[in-house]
Amino acid sequence: MAAKKAEKKLKITLIKSTIGQVPKAKATIEAMGLRKIGQTVELPDNGATKGQIQRVRHMVKVEEA
């Protein structure tokens, strides 16, 4: 079996409430798996994730994992 290349990950933390945000931003936060302020998820560093981050960049903090 071929060894899988280590995939880059991003740590994304919700730092602002979704209350009062546009529905598309709320849906994006939910799709990323974030539910509560301060919650952190690790997602792959790819184009789809970067697009999600761009839409909600005012509500999240992003770090390399």
PDB file of N, CA and C in Angstrom:
ATOM      1  N   MET A   1       0.831  -1.194   0.000  1.00  0.00           N
ATOM      2  CA  MET A   1       0.000   0.000   0.000  1.00  0.00           C
ATOM      3  C   MET A   1       0.874   1.255   0.000  1.00  0.00           C
ATOM      4  N   ALA A   2       0.458   2.217  -0.763  1.00  0.00           N
ATOM      5  CA  ALA A   2       1.189   3.487  -0.822  1.00  0.00           C
ATOM      6  C   ALA A   2       0.824   4.340   0.391  1.00  0.00           C
ATOM      7  N   ALA A   3       1.827   4.971   0.972  1.00  0.00           N
ATOM      8  CA  ALA A   3       1.576   5.835   2.131  1.00  0.00           C
ATOM      9  C   ALA A   3       0.921   7.130   1.660  1.00  0.00           C
ATOM     10  N   LYS A   4      -0.083   7.573   2.386  1.00  0.00           N
ATOM     11  CA  LYS A   4      -0.774   8.812   2.046  1.00  0.00           C
ATOM     12  C   LYS A   4       0.070  10.008   2.447  1.00  0.00           C
ATOM     13  N   LYS A   5       0.096  11.004   1.586  1.00  0.00           N
ATOM     14  CA  LYS A   5       0.827  12.228   1.896  1.00  0.00           C
ATOM     15  C   LYS A   5       0.094  12.962   3.019  1.00  0.00           C
ATOM     16  N   ALA A   6       0.836  13.506   3.966  1.00  0.00           N
ATOM     17  CA  ALA A   6       0.229  14.231   5.088  1.00  0.00           C
ATOM     18  C   ALA A   6      -0.521  15.433   4.549  1.00  0.00           C
ATOM     19  N   GLU A   7      -1.803  15.475   4.854  1.00  0.00           N
ATOM     20  CA  GLU A   7      -2.661  16.544   4.358  1.00  0.00           C
ATOM     21  C   GLU A   7      -2.595  17.752   5.297  1.00  0.00           C
ATOM     22  N   LYS A   8      -2.463  18.935   4.729  1.00  0.00           N
ATOM     23  CA  LYS A   8      -2.443  20.148   5.551  1.00  0.00           C
ATOM     24  C   LYS A   8      -3.830  20.389   6.127  1.00  0.00           C
ATOM     25  N   LYS A   9      -3.857  20.877   7.347  1.00  0.00           N
ATOM     26  CA  LYS A   9      -5.131  21.158   8.022  1.00  0.00           C
ATOM     27  C   LYS A   9      -5.143  22.605   8.503  1.00  0.00           C
ATOM     28  N   LEU A  10      -6.341  23.143   8.654  1.00  0.00           N
ATOM     29  CA  LEU A  10      -6.532  24.471   9.216  1.00  0.00           C
ATOM     30  C   LEU A  10      -7.375  24.351  10.478  1.00  0.00           C
ATOM     31  N   LYS A  11      -6.980  25.073  11.530  1.00  0.00           N
ATOM     32  CA  LYS A  11      -7.777  25.133  12.754  1.00  0.00           C
ATOM     33  C   LYS A  11      -8.625  26.391  12.662  1.00  0.00           C
ATOM     34  N   ILE A  12      -9.940  26.211  12.687  1.00  0.00           N
ATOM     35  CA  ILE A  12     -10.870  27.320  12.543  1.00  0.00           C
ATOM     36  C   ILE A  12     -11.678  27.453  13.826  1.00  0.00           C
ATOM     37  N   THR A  13     -11.666  28.640  14.423  1.00  0.00           N
ATOM     38  CA  THR A  13     -12.352  28.901  15.680  1.00  0.00           C
ATOM     39  C   THR A  13     -13.400  29.980  15.466  1.00  0.00           C
ATOM     40  N   LEU A  14     -14.611  29.720  15.953  1.00  0.00           N
ATOM     41  CA  LEU A  14     -15.689  30.706  15.880  1.00  0.00           C
ATOM     42  C   LEU A  14     -15.474  31.736  16.984  1.00  0.00           C
ATOM     43  N   ILE A  15     -15.344  33.012  16.604  1.00  0.00           N
ATOM     44  CA  ILE A  15     -15.075  34.050  17.601  1.00  0.00           C
ATOM     45  C   ILE A  15     -16.200  35.073  17.707  1.00  0.00           C
ATOM     46  N   LYS A  16     -17.212  34.971  16.840  1.00  0.00           N
ATOM     47  CA  LYS A  16     -18.310  35.929  16.868  1.00  0.00           C
ATOM     48  C   LYS A  16     -19.625  35.186  16.662  1.00  0.00           C
ATOM     49  N   SER A  17     -20.666  35.653  17.318  1.00  0.00           N
ATOM     50  CA  SER A  17     -21.978  35.020  17.246  1.00  0.00           C
ATOM     51  C   SER A  17     -22.575  35.099  15.842  1.00  0.00           C
ATOM     52  N   THR A  18     -23.416  34.128  15.511  1.00  0.00           N
ATOM     53  CA  THR A  18     -24.107  34.139  14.222  1.00  0.00           C
ATOM     54  C   THR A  18     -25.411  34.932  14.293  1.00  0.00           C
ATOM     55  N   ILE A  19     -25.773  35.402  15.478  1.00  0.00           N
ATOM     56  CA  ILE A  19     -26.997  36.187  15.633  1.00  0.00           C
ATOM     57  C   ILE A  19     -26.872  37.470  14.817  1.00  0.00           C
ATOM     58  N   GLY A  20     -27.865  37.736  14.003  1.00  0.00           N
ATOM     59  CA  GLY A  20     -27.875  38.945  13.202  1.00  0.00           C
ATOM     60  C   GLY A  20     -27.114  38.833  11.894  1.00  0.00           C
ATOM     61  N   GLN A  21     -26.508  37.692  11.640  1.00  0.00           N
ATOM     62  CA  GLN A  21     -25.764  37.506  10.389  1.00  0.00           C
ATOM     63  C   GLN A  21     -26.725  37.095   9.273  1.00  0.00           C
ATOM     64  N   VAL A  22     -26.304  37.296   8.041  1.00  0.00           N
ATOM     65  CA  VAL A  22     -27.125  36.891   6.902  1.00  0.00           C
ATOM     66  C   VAL A  22     -27.244  35.363   6.890  1.00  0.00           C
ATOM     67  N   PRO A  23     -28.367  34.858   6.392  1.00  0.00           N
ATOM     68  CA  PRO A  23     -28.591  33.400   6.409  1.00  0.00           C
ATOM     69  C   PRO A  23     -27.484  32.586   5.746  1.00  0.00           C
ATOM     70  N   LYS A  24     -26.881  33.119   4.677  1.00  0.00           N
ATOM     71  CA  LYS A  24     -25.827  32.384   3.986  1.00  0.00           C
ATOM     72  C   LYS A  24     -24.603  32.206   4.887  1.00  0.00           C
ATOM     73  N   ALA A  25     -24.281  33.230   5.683  1.00  0.00           N
ATOM     74  CA  ALA A  25     -23.145  33.134   6.600  1.00  0.00           C
ATOM     75  C   ALA A  25     -23.445  32.131   7.712  1.00  0.00           C
ATOM     76  N   LYS A  26     -24.667  32.152   8.226  1.00  0.00           N
ATOM     77  CA  LYS A  26     -25.063  31.189   9.266  1.00  0.00           C
ATOM     78  C   LYS A  26     -24.943  29.765   8.736  1.00  0.00           C
ATOM     79  N   ALA A  27     -25.407  29.552   7.509  1.00  0.00           N
ATOM     80  CA  ALA A  27     -25.365  28.218   6.915  1.00  0.00           C
ATOM     81  C   ALA A  27     -23.922  27.759   6.702  1.00  0.00           C
ATOM     82  N   THR A  28     -23.051  28.678   6.331  1.00  0.00           N
ATOM     83  CA  THR A  28     -21.636  28.341   6.119  1.00  0.00           C
ATOM     84  C   THR A  28     -20.983  27.923   7.430  1.00  0.00           C
ATOM     85  N   ILE A  29     -21.244  28.670   8.492  1.00  0.00           N
ATOM     86  CA  ILE A  29     -20.697  28.332   9.813  1.00  0.00           C
ATOM     87  C   ILE A  29     -21.162  26.943  10.230  1.00  0.00           C
ATOM     88  N   GLU A  30     -22.445  26.666  10.036  1.00  0.00           N
ATOM     89  CA  GLU A  30     -23.001  25.359  10.397  1.00  0.00           C
ATOM     90  C   GLU A  30     -22.375  24.248   9.548  1.00  0.00           C
ATOM     91  N   ALA A  31     -22.173  24.516   8.261  1.00  0.00           N
ATOM     92  CA  ALA A  31     -21.583  23.516   7.364  1.00  0.00           C
ATOM     93  C   ALA A  31     -20.140  23.202   7.752  1.00  0.00           C
ATOM     94  N   MET A  32     -19.458  24.168   8.346  1.00  0.00           N
ATOM     95  CA  MET A  32     -18.078  23.949   8.792  1.00  0.00           C
ATOM     96  C   MET A  32     -18.043  23.146  10.088  1.00  0.00           C
ATOM     97  N   GLY A  33     -19.193  22.936  10.713  1.00  0.00           N
ATOM     98  CA  GLY A  33     -19.256  22.135  11.936  1.00  0.00           C
ATOM     99  C   GLY A  33     -19.124  22.960  13.200  1.00  0.00           C
ATOM    100  N   LEU A  34     -19.250  24.287  13.082  1.00  0.00           N
ATOM    101  CA  LEU A  34     -19.137  25.146  14.255  1.00  0.00           C
ATOM    102  C   LEU A  34     -20.517  25.416  14.832  1.00  0.00           C
ATOM    103  N   ARG A  35     -20.640  25.313  16.156  1.00  0.00           N
ATOM    104  CA  ARG A  35     -21.931  25.517  16.806  1.00  0.00           C
ATOM    105  C   ARG A  35     -21.880  26.611  17.872  1.00  0.00           C
ATOM    106  N   LYS A  36     -20.779  26.675  18.634  1.00  0.00           N
ATOM    107  CA  LYS A  36     -20.677  27.611  19.763  1.00  0.00           C
ATOM    108  C   LYS A  36     -19.468  28.517  19.610  1.00  0.00           C
ATOM    109  N   ILE A  37     -19.554  29.704  20.189  1.00  0.00           N
ATOM    110  CA  ILE A  37     -18.422  30.616  20.191  1.00  0.00           C
ATOM    111  C   ILE A  37     -17.278  29.958  20.962  1.00  0.00           C
ATOM    112  N   GLY A  38     -16.089  30.018  20.400  1.00  0.00           N
ATOM    113  CA  GLY A  38     -14.928  29.405  21.037  1.00  0.00           C
ATOM    114  C   GLY A  38     -14.665  27.986  20.572  1.00  0.00           C
ATOM    115  N   GLN A  39     -15.594  27.391  19.863  1.00  0.00           N
ATOM    116  CA  GLN A  39     -15.411  26.025  19.366  1.00  0.00           C
ATOM    117  C   GLN A  39     -14.419  26.028  18.206  1.00  0.00           C
ATOM    118  N   THR A  40     -13.560  25.020  18.153  1.00  0.00           N
ATOM    119  CA  THR A  40     -12.553  24.900  17.102  1.00  0.00           C
ATOM    120  C   THR A  40     -12.749  23.603  16.345  1.00  0.00           C
ATOM    121  N   VAL A  41     -12.607  23.676  15.021  1.00  0.00           N
ATOM    122  CA  VAL A  41     -12.650  22.479  14.181  1.00  0.00           C
ATOM    123  C   VAL A  41     -11.406  22.473  13.302  1.00  0.00           C
ATOM    124  N   GLU A  42     -10.987  21.274  12.888  1.00  0.00           N
ATOM    125  CA  GLU A  42      -9.874  21.135  11.950  1.00  0.00           C
ATOM    126  C   GLU A  42     -10.441  20.681  10.620  1.00  0.00           C
ATOM    127  N   LEU A  43     -10.176  21.471   9.580  1.00  0.00           N
ATOM    128  CA  LEU A  43     -10.656  21.151   8.241  1.00  0.00           C
ATOM    129  C   LEU A  43      -9.462  21.121   7.289  1.00  0.00           C
ATOM    130  N   PRO A  44      -9.594  20.376   6.180  1.00  0.00           N
ATOM    131  CA  PRO A  44      -8.482  20.306   5.222  1.00  0.00           C
ATOM    132  C   PRO A  44      -8.220  21.669   4.578  1.00  0.00           C
ATOM    133  N   ASP A  45      -6.965  21.924   4.261  1.00  0.00           N
ATOM    134  CA  ASP A  45      -6.563  23.178   3.630  1.00  0.00           C
ATOM    135  C   ASP A  45      -6.742  23.015   2.115  1.00  0.00           C
ATOM    136  N   ASN A  46      -7.950  23.273   1.632  1.00  0.00           N
ATOM    137  CA  ASN A  46      -8.211  23.161   0.195  1.00  0.00           C
ATOM    138  C   ASN A  46      -9.068  24.344  -0.263  1.00  0.00           C
ATOM    139  N   GLY A  47      -9.377  24.396  -1.525  1.00  0.00           N
ATOM    140  CA  GLY A  47     -10.116  25.514  -2.097  1.00  0.00           C
ATOM    141  C   GLY A  47     -11.512  25.679  -1.517  1.00  0.00           C
ATOM    142  N   ALA A  48     -12.198  24.575  -1.268  1.00  0.00           N
ATOM    143  CA  ALA A  48     -13.550  24.655  -0.728  1.00  0.00           C
ATOM    144  C   ALA A  48     -13.551  25.269   0.665  1.00  0.00           C
ATOM    145  N   THR A  49     -12.632  24.827   1.500  1.00  0.00           N
ATOM    146  CA  THR A  49     -12.537  25.359   2.861  1.00  0.00           C
ATOM    147  C   THR A  49     -12.147  26.829   2.833  1.00  0.00           C
ATOM    148  N   LYS A  50     -11.216  27.185   1.970  1.00  0.00           N
ATOM    149  CA  LYS A  50     -10.801  28.585   1.874  1.00  0.00           C
ATOM    150  C   LYS A  50     -11.943  29.479   1.406  1.00  0.00           C
ATOM    151  N   GLY A  51     -12.801  28.959   0.535  1.00  0.00           N
ATOM    152  CA  GLY A  51     -13.977  29.714   0.096  1.00  0.00           C
ATOM    153  C   GLY A  51     -14.945  29.939   1.242  1.00  0.00           C
ATOM    154  N   GLN A  52     -15.145  28.912   2.077  1.00  0.00           N
ATOM    155  CA  GLN A  52     -16.009  29.057   3.247  1.00  0.00           C
ATOM    156  C   GLN A  52     -15.438  30.091   4.208  1.00  0.00           C
ATOM    157  N   ILE A  53     -14.135  30.026   4.439  1.00  0.00           N
ATOM    158  CA  ILE A  53     -13.489  30.974   5.349  1.00  0.00           C
ATOM    159  C   ILE A  53     -13.653  32.394   4.825  1.00  0.00           C
ATOM    160  N   GLN A  54     -13.514  32.575   3.518  1.00  0.00           N
ATOM    161  CA  GLN A  54     -13.636  33.907   2.927  1.00  0.00           C
ATOM    162  C   GLN A  54     -15.015  34.501   3.183  1.00  0.00           C
ATOM    163  N   ARG A  55     -16.062  33.675   3.114  1.00  0.00           N
ATOM    164  CA  ARG A  55     -17.425  34.172   3.323  1.00  0.00           C
ATOM    165  C   ARG A  55     -17.655  34.628   4.763  1.00  0.00           C
ATOM    166  N   VAL A  56     -17.027  33.957   5.730  1.00  0.00           N
ATOM    167  CA  VAL A  56     -17.280  34.260   7.147  1.00  0.00           C
ATOM    168  C   VAL A  56     -16.013  34.745   7.855  1.00  0.00           C
ATOM    169  N   ARG A  57     -15.108  35.376   7.123  1.00  0.00           N
ATOM    170  CA  ARG A  57     -13.806  35.779   7.673  1.00  0.00           C
ATOM    171  C   ARG A  57     -13.913  36.735   8.844  1.00  0.00           C
ATOM    172  N   HIS A  58     -15.030  37.464   8.946  1.00  0.00           N
ATOM    173  CA  HIS A  58     -15.245  38.403  10.054  1.00  0.00           C
ATOM    174  C   HIS A  58     -15.695  37.705  11.323  1.00  0.00           C
ATOM    175  N   MET A  59     -15.992  36.403  11.249  1.00  0.00           N
ATOM    176  CA  MET A  59     -16.524  35.671  12.397  1.00  0.00           C
ATOM    177  C   MET A  59     -15.607  34.567  12.907  1.00  0.00           C
ATOM    178  N   VAL A  60     -14.524  34.292  12.187  1.00  0.00           N
ATOM    179  CA  VAL A  60     -13.663  33.172  12.556  1.00  0.00           C
ATOM    180  C   VAL A  60     -12.201  33.585  12.650  1.00  0.00           C
ATOM    181  N   LYS A  61     -11.432  32.767  13.395  1.00  0.00           N
ATOM    182  CA  LYS A  61      -9.984  32.911  13.471  1.00  0.00           C
ATOM    183  C   LYS A  61      -9.398  31.646  12.863  1.00  0.00           C
ATOM    184  N   VAL A  62      -8.405  31.801  11.988  1.00  0.00           N
ATOM    185  CA  VAL A  62      -7.837  30.663  11.269  1.00  0.00           C
ATOM    186  C   VAL A  62      -6.353  30.536  11.597  1.00  0.00           C
ATOM    187  N   GLU A  63      -5.924  29.300  11.896  1.00  0.00           N
ATOM    188  CA  GLU A  63      -4.522  28.986  12.166  1.00  0.00           C
ATOM    189  C   GLU A  63      -4.168  27.715  11.409  1.00  0.00           C
ATOM    190  N   GLU A  64      -2.891  27.558  11.102  1.00  0.00           N
ATOM    191  CA  GLU A  64      -2.441  26.292  10.508  1.00  0.00           C
ATOM    192  C   GLU A  64      -2.293  25.259  11.610  1.00  0.00           C
ATOM    193  N   ALA A  65      -2.709  24.032  11.308  1.00  0.00           N
ATOM    194  CA  ALA A  65      -2.621  22.963  12.316  1.00  0.00           C
ATOM    195  C   ALA A  65      -1.419  22.083  12.039  1.00  0.00           C
TER     196      ALA A  65
END
